[in-house]
Amino acid sequence: MPEVEVIEDAASAAIRAEAGAWFDKNWDPELTLGEWWERLAESGWGLPTWSEEWFGKGFNSDQAAIVAQERKRVGAYGPPSGIGIMMAGPTIVNHATDEQKQRFLPAMVSGKEVWCQLFSEPGSGSDLASLSTRAVRDGDEWIVNGQKVWTSGAQFSKWGILIARTNVDVPKHKGVTYFVIDMDQPG
């Protein structure tokens, strides 16, 4: 099979050089996973598609792939992943207040706080249109009633993404709300 020559443009080559130099200098297999994730979070190299303001580099997916290649080249561990990074993080970056971003994102990208999703219910699985958990506004608070099941990693999670029905007067797929739940609270 013939070898394929990959030609990078100047911008891609610059990203490869910068990322490669950073990983060469900063990766140390003696670091704990937590120490490494902290370095990745502080540098922006762990989640390069996130904005620079929120622990990234503002790169597109092709540029992020170059960063991943350089990380793998030195044998370094990847960044934290899972529900927090893949689901809660982008929602928080795009829709949360600055105060909420400051509260949730640093601990998320450094792996200090784990997240889970609270979607599945008895009899409906993860069919969110058929969910029966309800949330009703009571002054400045929400009262949530219902049951969630099959939540992988809930026992390790600090935060949960809870989807609950908040409006029964609209079509089922429109009457739901996304809540962030402290997994250490009773109930």
N, C-alpha and C. Protein backbone atom coordinates (compact mmCIF):
# COMPACT_ATOMS: atom_id res chain seq x y z
N MET A 1 0.85 -1.18 0.00
CA MET A 1 0.00 0.00 0.00
C MET A 1 0.90 1.24 0.00
N PRO A 2 0.65 2.17 -0.91
CA PRO A 2 1.50 3.36 -0.97
C PRO A 2 1.29 4.25 0.25
N GLU A 3 2.36 4.92 0.63
CA GLU A 3 2.28 5.84 1.76
C GLU A 3 1.62 7.14 1.32
N VAL A 4 0.77 7.68 2.16
CA VAL A 4 0.09 8.93 1.86
C VAL A 4 0.83 10.06 2.55
N GLU A 5 1.16 11.08 1.76
CA GLU A 5 1.85 12.24 2.33
C GLU A 5 0.80 13.26 2.76
N VAL A 6 0.88 13.67 4.01
CA VAL A 6 -0.05 14.67 4.53
C VAL A 6 0.64 16.03 4.47
N ILE A 7 -0.02 16.95 3.81
CA ILE A 7 0.53 18.30 3.70
C ILE A 7 -0.33 19.22 4.55
N GLU A 8 0.30 19.89 5.51
CA GLU A 8 -0.42 20.80 6.39
C GLU A 8 -0.22 22.23 5.94
N ASP A 9 -1.25 23.02 6.10
CA ASP A 9 -1.09 24.45 5.84
C ASP A 9 -0.29 25.07 6.98
N ALA A 10 0.08 26.31 6.81
CA ALA A 10 0.93 26.98 7.81
C ALA A 10 0.25 27.07 9.17
N ALA A 11 -1.06 27.34 9.19
CA ALA A 11 -1.77 27.46 10.47
C ALA A 11 -1.78 26.13 11.21
N SER A 12 -2.04 25.04 10.48
CA SER A 12 -2.05 23.71 11.10
C SER A 12 -0.67 23.33 11.60
N ALA A 13 0.35 23.65 10.81
CA ALA A 13 1.72 23.36 11.23
C ALA A 13 2.09 24.14 12.49
N ALA A 14 1.62 25.38 12.58
CA ALA A 14 1.90 26.19 13.77
C ALA A 14 1.21 25.61 15.00
N ILE A 15 -0.03 25.14 14.84
CA ILE A 15 -0.74 24.52 15.96
C ILE A 15 -0.01 23.25 16.39
N ARG A 16 0.41 22.45 15.42
CA ARG A 16 1.13 21.22 15.75
C ARG A 16 2.42 21.55 16.51
N ALA A 17 3.14 22.56 16.05
CA ALA A 17 4.40 22.93 16.72
C ALA A 17 4.15 23.42 18.14
N GLU A 18 3.14 24.29 18.30
CA GLU A 18 2.86 24.83 19.64
C GLU A 18 2.35 23.75 20.59
N ALA A 19 1.40 22.95 20.11
CA ALA A 19 0.86 21.87 20.94
C ALA A 19 1.95 20.86 21.27
N GLY A 20 2.72 20.47 20.26
CA GLY A 20 3.79 19.50 20.47
C GLY A 20 4.79 19.98 21.51
N ALA A 21 5.18 21.25 21.40
CA ALA A 21 6.14 21.80 22.37
C ALA A 21 5.54 21.80 23.78
N TRP A 22 4.25 22.15 23.88
CA TRP A 22 3.62 22.18 25.20
C TRP A 22 3.57 20.77 25.81
N PHE A 23 3.13 19.78 25.01
CA PHE A 23 3.04 18.42 25.54
C PHE A 23 4.43 17.86 25.87
N ASP A 24 5.42 18.14 25.02
CA ASP A 24 6.78 17.69 25.31
C ASP A 24 7.26 18.24 26.65
N LYS A 25 6.97 19.49 26.92
CA LYS A 25 7.43 20.15 28.14
C LYS A 25 6.62 19.75 29.37
N ASN A 26 5.32 19.54 29.22
CA ASN A 26 4.43 19.41 30.38
C ASN A 26 4.00 17.99 30.73
N TRP A 27 4.03 17.06 29.78
CA TRP A 27 3.61 15.70 30.11
C TRP A 27 4.66 15.02 30.97
N ASP A 28 4.21 14.44 32.05
CA ASP A 28 5.07 13.68 32.96
C ASP A 28 4.26 12.49 33.45
N PRO A 29 4.66 11.27 33.08
CA PRO A 29 3.89 10.10 33.50
C PRO A 29 3.85 9.89 35.01
N GLU A 30 4.66 10.63 35.75
CA GLU A 30 4.65 10.53 37.21
C GLU A 30 3.53 11.37 37.84
N LEU A 31 2.92 12.25 37.06
CA LEU A 31 1.82 13.06 37.59
C LEU A 31 0.61 12.18 37.89
N THR A 32 -0.15 12.54 38.90
CA THR A 32 -1.44 11.86 39.10
C THR A 32 -2.38 12.33 38.00
N LEU A 33 -3.44 11.59 37.80
CA LEU A 33 -4.42 11.98 36.78
C LEU A 33 -4.99 13.36 37.11
N GLY A 34 -5.29 13.61 38.37
CA GLY A 34 -5.82 14.90 38.78
C GLY A 34 -4.85 16.04 38.51
N GLU A 35 -3.56 15.81 38.77
CA GLU A 35 -2.55 16.84 38.49
C GLU A 35 -2.47 17.13 36.99
N TRP A 36 -2.53 16.06 36.19
CA TRP A 36 -2.46 16.23 34.74
C TRP A 36 -3.69 16.98 34.22
N TRP A 37 -4.86 16.57 34.69
CA TRP A 37 -6.08 17.25 34.25
C TRP A 37 -6.05 18.73 34.62
N GLU A 38 -5.50 19.05 35.78
CA GLU A 38 -5.38 20.45 36.20
C GLU A 38 -4.49 21.21 35.22
N ARG A 39 -3.37 20.61 34.82
CA ARG A 39 -2.49 21.25 33.83
C ARG A 39 -3.22 21.46 32.51
N LEU A 40 -3.94 20.44 32.07
CA LEU A 40 -4.68 20.57 30.81
C LEU A 40 -5.70 21.69 30.90
N ALA A 41 -6.43 21.76 32.00
CA ALA A 41 -7.46 22.78 32.18
C ALA A 41 -6.85 24.18 32.17
N GLU A 42 -5.77 24.36 32.90
CA GLU A 42 -5.14 25.68 32.99
C GLU A 42 -4.56 26.14 31.66
N SER A 43 -4.11 25.19 30.84
CA SER A 43 -3.44 25.54 29.59
C SER A 43 -4.38 25.72 28.41
N GLY A 44 -5.57 25.11 28.47
CA GLY A 44 -6.48 25.14 27.33
C GLY A 44 -6.25 24.02 26.33
N TRP A 45 -5.22 23.21 26.53
CA TRP A 45 -4.93 22.13 25.58
C TRP A 45 -5.81 20.91 25.80
N GLY A 46 -6.51 20.82 26.90
CA GLY A 46 -7.37 19.66 27.15
C GLY A 46 -8.65 19.69 26.34
N LEU A 47 -9.27 20.85 26.24
CA LEU A 47 -10.53 21.01 25.51
C LEU A 47 -10.36 22.13 24.49
N PRO A 48 -9.56 21.90 23.45
CA PRO A 48 -9.18 22.99 22.55
C PRO A 48 -10.33 23.59 21.74
N THR A 49 -11.47 22.91 21.62
CA THR A 49 -12.59 23.51 20.89
C THR A 49 -13.39 24.48 21.75
N TRP A 50 -13.19 24.47 23.05
CA TRP A 50 -13.86 25.44 23.92
C TRP A 50 -13.17 26.79 23.75
N SER A 51 -13.85 27.86 24.08
CA SER A 51 -13.29 29.20 23.93
C SER A 51 -12.12 29.41 24.89
N GLU A 52 -11.26 30.34 24.55
CA GLU A 52 -10.12 30.66 25.43
C GLU A 52 -10.60 31.16 26.78
N GLU A 53 -11.73 31.87 26.78
CA GLU A 53 -12.28 32.38 28.03
C GLU A 53 -12.64 31.24 28.98
N TRP A 54 -13.05 30.10 28.43
CA TRP A 54 -13.51 28.98 29.24
C TRP A 54 -12.67 27.73 29.00
N PHE A 55 -11.35 27.86 29.23
CA PHE A 55 -10.43 26.73 29.32
C PHE A 55 -10.13 26.03 28.01
N GLY A 56 -10.28 26.70 26.89
CA GLY A 56 -9.96 26.10 25.60
C GLY A 56 -9.03 26.96 24.78
N LYS A 57 -9.04 26.71 23.47
CA LYS A 57 -8.21 27.46 22.53
C LYS A 57 -9.05 28.10 21.42
N GLY A 58 -10.35 27.77 21.37
CA GLY A 58 -11.20 28.30 20.31
C GLY A 58 -10.94 27.65 18.96
N PHE A 59 -10.42 26.43 18.97
CA PHE A 59 -10.08 25.74 17.72
C PHE A 59 -11.30 25.07 17.11
N ASN A 60 -11.22 24.80 15.81
CA ASN A 60 -12.25 23.99 15.15
C ASN A 60 -11.87 22.51 15.34
N SER A 61 -12.71 21.62 14.84
CA SER A 61 -12.49 20.19 15.10
C SER A 61 -11.23 19.66 14.41
N ASP A 62 -10.88 20.19 13.23
CA ASP A 62 -9.65 19.75 12.57
C ASP A 62 -8.43 20.18 13.37
N GLN A 63 -8.46 21.39 13.89
CA GLN A 63 -7.35 21.87 14.71
C GLN A 63 -7.25 21.07 16.01
N ALA A 64 -8.40 20.75 16.60
CA ALA A 64 -8.41 19.94 17.83
C ALA A 64 -7.85 18.55 17.57
N ALA A 65 -8.07 18.01 16.37
CA ALA A 65 -7.53 16.69 16.03
C ALA A 65 -6.00 16.73 16.02
N ILE A 66 -5.43 17.84 15.57
CA ILE A 66 -3.97 17.99 15.60
C ILE A 66 -3.47 17.97 17.04
N VAL A 67 -4.18 18.68 17.92
CA VAL A 67 -3.81 18.70 19.34
C VAL A 67 -3.87 17.28 19.91
N ALA A 68 -4.92 16.54 19.59
CA ALA A 68 -5.06 15.16 20.08
C ALA A 68 -3.92 14.28 19.57
N GLN A 69 -3.53 14.47 18.31
CA GLN A 69 -2.40 13.70 17.78
C GLN A 69 -1.12 13.98 18.55
N GLU A 70 -0.89 15.23 18.88
CA GLU A 70 0.32 15.59 19.63
C GLU A 70 0.26 15.05 21.06
N ARG A 71 -0.92 15.08 21.67
CA ARG A 71 -1.08 14.51 23.01
C ARG A 71 -0.79 13.02 22.98
N LYS A 72 -1.34 12.33 21.99
CA LYS A 72 -1.13 10.89 21.87
C LYS A 72 0.33 10.56 21.55
N ARG A 73 0.97 11.42 20.77
CA ARG A 73 2.37 11.19 20.40
C ARG A 73 3.26 11.04 21.63
N VAL A 74 3.00 11.85 22.67
CA VAL A 74 3.83 11.76 23.88
C VAL A 74 3.29 10.74 24.88
N GLY A 75 2.13 10.14 24.57
CA GLY A 75 1.56 9.13 25.46
C GLY A 75 0.78 9.70 26.63
N ALA A 76 0.36 10.97 26.52
CA ALA A 76 -0.35 11.61 27.63
C ALA A 76 -1.81 11.19 27.68
N TYR A 77 -2.36 11.20 28.87
CA TYR A 77 -3.78 10.92 29.07
C TYR A 77 -4.62 12.04 28.46
N GLY A 78 -5.84 11.68 28.07
CA GLY A 78 -6.78 12.68 27.57
C GLY A 78 -7.40 13.46 28.70
N PRO A 79 -8.17 14.48 28.35
CA PRO A 79 -8.84 15.30 29.37
C PRO A 79 -10.01 14.55 29.98
N PRO A 80 -10.61 15.11 31.04
CA PRO A 80 -11.84 14.51 31.56
C PRO A 80 -12.87 14.46 30.43
N SER A 81 -13.77 13.50 30.53
CA SER A 81 -14.84 13.40 29.52
C SER A 81 -16.12 13.02 30.24
N GLY A 82 -17.10 12.58 29.50
CA GLY A 82 -18.34 12.15 30.10
C GLY A 82 -19.43 13.20 30.03
N ILE A 83 -20.45 13.01 30.84
CA ILE A 83 -21.65 13.85 30.81
C ILE A 83 -21.32 15.32 31.05
N GLY A 84 -20.44 15.60 32.00
CA GLY A 84 -20.10 16.99 32.28
C GLY A 84 -19.51 17.69 31.07
N ILE A 85 -18.46 17.12 30.51
CA ILE A 85 -17.76 17.74 29.39
C ILE A 85 -18.60 17.70 28.12
N MET A 86 -19.26 16.58 27.85
CA MET A 86 -19.97 16.41 26.58
C MET A 86 -21.36 17.04 26.56
N MET A 87 -22.04 17.11 27.69
CA MET A 87 -23.42 17.61 27.69
C MET A 87 -23.60 18.87 28.53
N ALA A 88 -23.21 18.81 29.79
CA ALA A 88 -23.44 19.96 30.67
C ALA A 88 -22.54 21.13 30.29
N GLY A 89 -21.28 20.86 30.02
CA GLY A 89 -20.33 21.92 29.72
C GLY A 89 -20.76 22.83 28.58
N PRO A 90 -21.04 22.27 27.40
CA PRO A 90 -21.47 23.14 26.30
C PRO A 90 -22.75 23.92 26.61
N THR A 91 -23.67 23.30 27.33
CA THR A 91 -24.90 24.01 27.71
C THR A 91 -24.58 25.18 28.64
N ILE A 92 -23.71 24.94 29.61
CA ILE A 92 -23.34 26.00 30.55
C ILE A 92 -22.59 27.12 29.83
N VAL A 93 -21.64 26.75 28.97
CA VAL A 93 -20.88 27.77 28.23
C VAL A 93 -21.81 28.66 27.42
N ASN A 94 -22.82 28.07 26.80
CA ASN A 94 -23.69 28.83 25.89
C ASN A 94 -24.91 29.48 26.53
N HIS A 95 -25.34 29.01 27.71
CA HIS A 95 -26.60 29.50 28.26
C HIS A 95 -26.56 29.97 29.71
N ALA A 96 -25.50 29.70 30.42
CA ALA A 96 -25.46 30.03 31.86
C ALA A 96 -25.02 31.48 32.08
N THR A 97 -25.28 31.95 33.28
CA THR A 97 -24.78 33.26 33.68
C THR A 97 -23.28 33.16 33.92
N ASP A 98 -22.60 34.28 33.97
CA ASP A 98 -21.16 34.26 34.26
C ASP A 98 -20.90 33.65 35.64
N GLU A 99 -21.76 33.94 36.59
CA GLU A 99 -21.62 33.37 37.93
C GLU A 99 -21.71 31.84 37.88
N GLN A 100 -22.66 31.31 37.11
CA GLN A 100 -22.80 29.86 36.98
C GLN A 100 -21.59 29.26 36.26
N LYS A 101 -21.11 29.94 35.24
CA LYS A 101 -19.92 29.45 34.54
C LYS A 101 -18.73 29.36 35.49
N GLN A 102 -18.53 30.40 36.30
CA GLN A 102 -17.43 30.40 37.26
C GLN A 102 -17.60 29.29 38.30
N ARG A 103 -18.83 29.00 38.67
CA ARG A 103 -19.10 27.97 39.68
C ARG A 103 -18.83 26.56 39.14
N PHE A 104 -19.31 26.28 37.92
CA PHE A 104 -19.30 24.90 37.43
C PHE A 104 -18.12 24.53 36.54
N LEU A 105 -17.69 25.41 35.67
CA LEU A 105 -16.72 25.01 34.65
C LEU A 105 -15.32 24.67 35.18
N PRO A 106 -14.72 25.46 36.08
CA PRO A 106 -13.36 25.10 36.53
C PRO A 106 -13.27 23.68 37.11
N ALA A 107 -14.21 23.31 37.96
CA ALA A 107 -14.17 21.97 38.56
C ALA A 107 -14.52 20.89 37.55
N MET A 108 -15.30 21.24 36.53
CA MET A 108 -15.66 20.27 35.49
C MET A 108 -14.46 19.96 34.60
N VAL A 109 -13.80 21.00 34.08
CA VAL A 109 -12.72 20.76 33.13
C VAL A 109 -11.47 20.19 33.79
N SER A 110 -11.33 20.37 35.09
CA SER A 110 -10.18 19.79 35.80
C SER A 110 -10.50 18.40 36.35
N GLY A 111 -11.73 17.93 36.13
CA GLY A 111 -12.12 16.60 36.60
C GLY A 111 -12.38 16.51 38.08
N LYS A 112 -12.46 17.64 38.77
CA LYS A 112 -12.68 17.62 40.22
C LYS A 112 -14.13 17.31 40.58
N GLU A 113 -15.05 17.61 39.68
CA GLU A 113 -16.47 17.30 39.93
C GLU A 113 -17.03 16.54 38.73
N VAL A 114 -17.65 15.41 39.02
CA VAL A 114 -18.21 14.53 38.00
C VAL A 114 -19.71 14.82 37.86
N TRP A 115 -20.22 14.66 36.67
CA TRP A 115 -21.63 14.90 36.36
C TRP A 115 -22.28 13.62 35.85
N CYS A 116 -23.60 13.53 36.03
CA CYS A 116 -24.38 12.43 35.46
C CYS A 116 -25.65 13.01 34.84
N GLN A 117 -26.34 12.19 34.07
CA GLN A 117 -27.62 12.63 33.51
C GLN A 117 -28.75 11.88 34.20
N LEU A 118 -29.80 12.59 34.51
CA LEU A 118 -30.97 12.04 35.19
C LEU A 118 -32.14 12.10 34.22
N PHE A 119 -32.14 11.19 33.25
CA PHE A 119 -33.15 11.18 32.20
C PHE A 119 -34.11 10.00 32.34
N SER A 120 -33.57 8.78 32.43
CA SER A 120 -34.38 7.56 32.35
C SER A 120 -35.33 7.41 33.53
N GLU A 121 -36.54 6.92 33.20
CA GLU A 121 -37.59 6.72 34.20
C GLU A 121 -38.19 5.33 34.04
N PRO A 122 -38.79 4.81 35.12
CA PRO A 122 -39.47 3.52 35.01
C PRO A 122 -40.55 3.59 33.93
N GLY A 123 -40.56 2.61 33.06
CA GLY A 123 -41.61 2.53 32.05
C GLY A 123 -41.39 3.38 30.81
N SER A 124 -40.42 4.29 30.83
CA SER A 124 -40.21 5.11 29.63
C SER A 124 -38.75 5.20 29.21
N GLY A 125 -37.85 4.62 29.98
CA GLY A 125 -36.44 4.69 29.62
C GLY A 125 -35.99 6.12 29.46
N SER A 126 -35.34 6.41 28.33
CA SER A 126 -34.86 7.77 28.09
C SER A 126 -35.70 8.51 27.06
N ASP A 127 -36.95 8.07 26.86
CA ASP A 127 -37.88 8.77 25.97
C ASP A 127 -38.36 10.03 26.69
N LEU A 128 -37.68 11.14 26.45
CA LEU A 128 -37.94 12.35 27.23
C LEU A 128 -39.34 12.91 27.01
N ALA A 129 -39.94 12.67 25.86
CA ALA A 129 -41.30 13.18 25.65
C ALA A 129 -42.30 12.50 26.57
N SER A 130 -41.98 11.28 27.03
CA SER A 130 -42.93 10.58 27.90
C SER A 130 -42.56 10.67 29.37
N LEU A 131 -41.61 11.52 29.72
CA LEU A 131 -41.20 11.56 31.13
C LEU A 131 -42.34 12.02 32.04
N SER A 132 -42.31 11.50 33.25
CA SER A 132 -43.38 11.83 34.21
C SER A 132 -42.88 12.66 35.39
N THR A 133 -41.56 12.80 35.55
CA THR A 133 -41.04 13.66 36.62
C THR A 133 -41.50 15.08 36.36
N ARG A 134 -42.02 15.71 37.40
CA ARG A 134 -42.56 17.07 37.28
C ARG A 134 -41.75 18.03 38.14
N ALA A 135 -41.70 19.27 37.69
CA ALA A 135 -41.11 20.35 38.49
C ALA A 135 -42.10 21.51 38.48
N VAL A 136 -42.42 21.99 39.67
CA VAL A 136 -43.40 23.07 39.82
C VAL A 136 -42.73 24.23 40.56
N ARG A 137 -42.90 25.42 40.03
CA ARG A 137 -42.33 26.62 40.63
C ARG A 137 -43.04 26.92 41.94
N ASP A 138 -42.26 27.18 43.00
CA ASP A 138 -42.79 27.56 44.31
C ASP A 138 -41.97 28.75 44.79
N GLY A 139 -42.41 29.95 44.44
CA GLY A 139 -41.63 31.15 44.77
C GLY A 139 -40.37 31.19 43.94
N ASP A 140 -39.22 31.24 44.62
CA ASP A 140 -37.93 31.27 43.94
C ASP A 140 -37.34 29.87 43.73
N GLU A 141 -38.08 28.84 44.13
CA GLU A 141 -37.57 27.48 44.06
C GLU A 141 -38.43 26.63 43.14
N TRP A 142 -37.91 25.47 42.80
CA TRP A 142 -38.65 24.46 42.06
C TRP A 142 -38.80 23.24 42.95
N ILE A 143 -39.99 22.67 42.97
CA ILE A 143 -40.26 21.42 43.69
C ILE A 143 -40.32 20.33 42.63
N VAL A 144 -39.43 19.34 42.76
CA VAL A 144 -39.35 18.25 41.79
C VAL A 144 -39.92 16.99 42.41
N ASN A 145 -40.81 16.31 41.68
CA ASN A 145 -41.38 15.04 42.10
C ASN A 145 -41.28 14.06 40.95
N GLY A 146 -40.77 12.86 41.24
CA GLY A 146 -40.66 11.83 40.23
C GLY A 146 -39.56 10.87 40.58
N GLN A 147 -39.28 9.95 39.65
CA GLN A 147 -38.27 8.92 39.88
C GLN A 147 -37.41 8.77 38.64
N LYS A 148 -36.12 8.69 38.85
CA LYS A 148 -35.17 8.43 37.78
C LYS A 148 -34.48 7.11 38.08
N VAL A 149 -34.10 6.38 37.03
CA VAL A 149 -33.44 5.08 37.20
C VAL A 149 -32.30 4.95 36.19
N TRP A 150 -31.49 3.92 36.36
CA TRP A 150 -30.42 3.56 35.43
C TRP A 150 -29.46 4.72 35.17
N THR A 151 -29.00 5.34 36.20
CA THR A 151 -28.12 6.49 36.04
C THR A 151 -26.68 6.07 36.28
N SER A 152 -25.97 5.79 35.21
CA SER A 152 -24.57 5.37 35.31
C SER A 152 -23.73 6.46 35.96
N GLY A 153 -22.96 6.09 36.94
CA GLY A 153 -22.04 7.01 37.60
C GLY A 153 -22.66 7.96 38.60
N ALA A 154 -23.94 7.80 38.91
CA ALA A 154 -24.59 8.72 39.85
C ALA A 154 -23.90 8.70 41.21
N GLN A 155 -23.43 7.53 41.63
CA GLN A 155 -22.81 7.42 42.95
C GLN A 155 -21.49 8.18 43.04
N PHE A 156 -20.89 8.53 41.89
CA PHE A 156 -19.63 9.28 41.88
C PHE A 156 -19.83 10.75 41.55
N SER A 157 -21.04 11.13 41.21
CA SER A 157 -21.31 12.46 40.68
C SER A 157 -21.63 13.50 41.74
N LYS A 158 -21.13 14.68 41.52
CA LYS A 158 -21.47 15.84 42.36
C LYS A 158 -22.71 16.53 41.81
N TRP A 159 -22.87 16.53 40.49
CA TRP A 159 -23.98 17.23 39.84
C TRP A 159 -24.69 16.31 38.87
N GLY A 160 -25.99 16.53 38.72
CA GLY A 160 -26.79 15.78 37.77
C GLY A 160 -27.58 16.72 36.88
N ILE A 161 -27.70 16.34 35.61
CA ILE A 161 -28.58 17.05 34.69
C ILE A 161 -29.94 16.37 34.80
N LEU A 162 -30.91 17.08 35.30
CA LEU A 162 -32.26 16.54 35.48
C LEU A 162 -33.18 17.17 34.44
N ILE A 163 -33.91 16.34 33.73
CA ILE A 163 -34.93 16.82 32.80
C ILE A 163 -36.28 16.52 33.44
N ALA A 164 -37.10 17.56 33.58
CA ALA A 164 -38.41 17.41 34.22
C ALA A 164 -39.46 18.17 33.42
N ARG A 165 -40.69 17.68 33.50
CA ARG A 165 -41.80 18.36 32.84
C ARG A 165 -42.21 19.56 33.69
N THR A 166 -42.22 20.74 33.06
CA THR A 166 -42.58 21.98 33.76
C THR A 166 -43.82 22.63 33.18
N ASN A 167 -44.30 22.13 32.04
CA ASN A 167 -45.50 22.70 31.43
C ASN A 167 -46.30 21.57 30.80
N VAL A 168 -47.45 21.28 31.36
CA VAL A 168 -48.29 20.20 30.84
C VAL A 168 -49.27 20.70 29.79
N ASP A 169 -49.28 22.00 29.52
CA ASP A 169 -50.23 22.60 28.59
C ASP A 169 -49.67 22.77 27.18
N VAL A 170 -48.48 22.29 26.93
CA VAL A 170 -47.88 22.38 25.60
C VAL A 170 -47.55 20.97 25.12
N PRO A 171 -47.25 20.79 23.83
CA PRO A 171 -46.86 19.45 23.37
C PRO A 171 -45.72 18.89 24.22
N LYS A 172 -45.75 17.57 24.43
CA LYS A 172 -44.83 16.92 25.37
C LYS A 172 -43.36 17.25 25.13
N HIS A 173 -42.95 17.35 23.88
CA HIS A 173 -41.53 17.60 23.61
C HIS A 173 -41.13 19.05 23.88
N LYS A 174 -42.09 19.93 24.16
CA LYS A 174 -41.78 21.33 24.44
C LYS A 174 -41.89 21.68 25.91
N GLY A 175 -42.56 20.90 26.70
CA GLY A 175 -42.83 21.27 28.09
C GLY A 175 -41.83 20.75 29.09
N VAL A 176 -40.55 20.63 28.70
CA VAL A 176 -39.53 20.10 29.60
C VAL A 176 -38.47 21.16 29.88
N THR A 177 -37.85 21.05 31.05
CA THR A 177 -36.81 21.99 31.46
C THR A 177 -35.60 21.22 31.97
N TYR A 178 -34.44 21.79 31.75
CA TYR A 178 -33.13 21.24 32.12
C TYR A 178 -32.73 21.88 33.44
N PHE A 179 -32.52 21.05 34.45
CA PHE A 179 -32.11 21.52 35.78
C PHE A 179 -30.74 20.95 36.13
N VAL A 180 -29.97 21.68 36.91
CA VAL A 180 -28.73 21.18 37.49
C VAL A 180 -29.04 20.85 38.95
N ILE A 181 -28.82 19.59 39.32
CA ILE A 181 -29.18 19.10 40.65
C ILE A 181 -27.91 18.71 41.42
N ASP A 182 -27.81 19.18 42.65
CA ASP A 182 -26.72 18.78 43.54
C ASP A 182 -27.00 17.35 43.98
N MET A 183 -26.13 16.42 43.63
CA MET A 183 -26.36 15.01 43.93
C MET A 183 -26.15 14.68 45.40
N ASP A 184 -25.66 15.61 46.18
CA ASP A 184 -25.47 15.37 47.62
C ASP A 184 -26.69 15.77 48.45
N GLN A 185 -27.68 16.38 47.84
CA GLN A 185 -28.85 16.80 48.60
C GLN A 185 -29.79 15.62 48.83
N PRO A 186 -30.60 15.67 49.86
CA PRO A 186 -31.54 14.57 50.10
C PRO A 186 -32.65 14.56 49.05
N GLY A 187 -33.22 13.37 48.86
CA GLY A 187 -34.37 13.27 47.96
C GLY A 187 -34.07 12.55 46.70
